[in-house]
Every structure is written in C-alpha cells, then in structure tokens.
Protein backbone atom coordinates (compact mmCIF):
# COMPACT_ATOMS: atom_id res chain seq x y z
CA MET A 1 55.34 -31.50 -28.28
CA SER A 2 56.51 -33.95 -30.87
CA GLU A 3 53.68 -33.97 -33.41
CA ILE A 4 50.53 -32.20 -34.58
CA GLN A 5 47.94 -34.78 -35.60
CA TYR A 6 45.32 -34.32 -38.31
CA ASP A 7 42.04 -36.11 -39.02
CA THR A 8 40.99 -37.55 -42.39
CA ASN A 9 39.52 -34.14 -43.34
CA LYS A 10 42.98 -32.55 -43.03
CA LYS A 11 41.97 -30.68 -39.85
CA PRO A 12 44.39 -30.46 -36.90
CA VAL A 13 42.78 -32.27 -33.96
CA ALA A 14 45.48 -33.19 -31.43
CA VAL A 15 49.06 -32.82 -30.32
CA LYS A 16 51.33 -35.66 -29.29
CA LEU A 17 53.76 -34.98 -26.47
CA GLU A 18 57.29 -36.34 -26.17
CA THR A 19 55.93 -38.74 -23.53
CA GLY A 20 53.55 -40.25 -26.09
CA GLU A 21 50.47 -38.70 -24.48
CA VAL A 22 47.96 -37.34 -27.03
CA ILE A 23 45.93 -34.24 -26.17
CA GLU A 24 42.90 -33.52 -28.34
CA ALA A 25 41.81 -29.92 -28.92
CA LYS A 26 39.33 -27.88 -30.95
CA ALA A 27 42.16 -25.58 -32.08
CA ILE A 28 45.91 -26.08 -32.34
CA LEU A 29 48.28 -23.08 -32.20
CA SER A 30 51.98 -23.18 -32.94
CA ASN A 31 54.51 -20.53 -32.00
CA CYS A 32 57.15 -22.21 -34.15
CA THR A 33 58.21 -21.07 -37.59
CA ASN A 34 56.23 -22.37 -40.55
CA ARG A 35 59.12 -24.69 -41.39
CA VAL A 36 59.23 -26.28 -37.92
CA THR A 37 55.43 -26.46 -37.68
CA PHE A 38 54.70 -27.99 -41.08
CA PHE A 39 57.86 -30.01 -41.74
CA ASP A 40 58.88 -31.19 -38.26
CA LEU A 41 55.65 -31.29 -36.22
CA VAL A 42 53.20 -32.23 -38.99
CA LYS A 43 54.13 -35.68 -40.25
CA ASN A 44 53.61 -36.17 -44.00
CA SER A 45 52.75 -32.50 -44.50
CA GLN A 46 52.53 -33.05 -48.26
CA ASN A 47 49.35 -35.05 -47.53
CA VAL A 48 47.82 -32.26 -45.40
CA LEU A 49 48.74 -29.18 -47.44
CA THR A 50 47.78 -28.39 -51.00
CA SER A 51 50.64 -28.71 -53.48
CA GLN A 52 50.80 -24.91 -53.78
CA GLU A 53 50.89 -24.40 -49.98
CA TYR A 54 53.53 -27.11 -49.58
CA HIS A 55 55.88 -25.59 -52.19
CA LYS A 56 55.38 -22.01 -50.93
CA LEU A 57 56.21 -23.06 -47.36
CA LYS A 58 59.14 -25.20 -48.52
CA ASN A 59 60.67 -22.23 -50.38
CA ILE A 60 60.51 -19.66 -47.58
CA GLU A 61 63.98 -18.34 -46.75
CA TYR A 62 64.57 -17.92 -43.04
CA ASN A 63 67.12 -15.42 -41.79
CA GLY A 64 65.23 -14.84 -38.55
CA ALA A 65 61.72 -15.16 -37.20
CA ALA A 66 59.41 -13.22 -34.94
CA THR A 67 55.84 -13.84 -33.86
CA LYS A 68 53.32 -11.56 -32.23
CA LEU A 69 50.01 -12.83 -30.92
CA ASN A 70 47.23 -10.46 -29.86
CA ILE A 71 44.40 -12.02 -27.87
CA ALA A 72 41.15 -10.37 -26.83
CA LEU A 73 39.81 -11.52 -23.44
CA LYS A 74 36.46 -10.89 -21.76
CA LYS A 75 38.21 -10.17 -18.45
CA LEU A 76 41.67 -10.27 -16.93
CA PRO A 77 42.96 -13.78 -16.19
CA LYS A 78 43.42 -14.89 -12.58
CA PHE A 79 47.00 -16.08 -12.14
CA LYS A 80 47.84 -18.24 -9.12
CA SER A 81 51.02 -16.24 -8.57
CA PHE A 82 48.98 -13.01 -8.24
CA ARG A 83 46.22 -14.24 -5.90
CA ASN A 84 46.56 -11.41 -3.36
CA HIS A 85 47.70 -8.70 -5.74
CA GLU A 86 45.68 -6.03 -7.46
CA MET A 87 46.23 -5.49 -11.17
CA PRO A 88 47.15 -1.86 -11.97
CA ALA A 89 44.42 0.20 -13.61
C-alpha cells in the first residue's frame, strides 16, 4: 500500500496500492506505527488531522512498537489451507 485516501469530510475511504490500483472500503485499518500511518501513508496529514492531533502524533518518541488486535467473530473462519481439517475444540 502506498497511500490512505480521505474524502472531503476527512474520512478514510480508500487505499492506493503500489501498482496504482485504488481499493475503496468502508473502514481502513493500519498495522503500521502512527508515524508511518499518518506521515507516510496519509498525504498532507496536516489537512486531515486537527492541529492538536497532528502535533501530538508528530512528537511521539519511538523506541519500539507493538500492536495487538483482538477481533470478535460470529464463527470460525474457513481457511482454504484447512479444508479437510477439523479445528481443535
């Protein structure tokens, strides 16, 4: 991905791939650090963020980063690589 695109209401609406292809979505998630997300992937982030948000994100010191994402699902996903396998109980 090379860019997160926003609409005129400052809402993220699409991602642009390195190939130039644009994929629209209802929600955009980033597993990058705040710095990479808002200063590399969001072009002109000072126009998307409030002044306070922009300066807070700009002043974060990074010595390392970790992300954890918990997702609640209605049922277990069906992976192609596990077609004939039973999931452990």
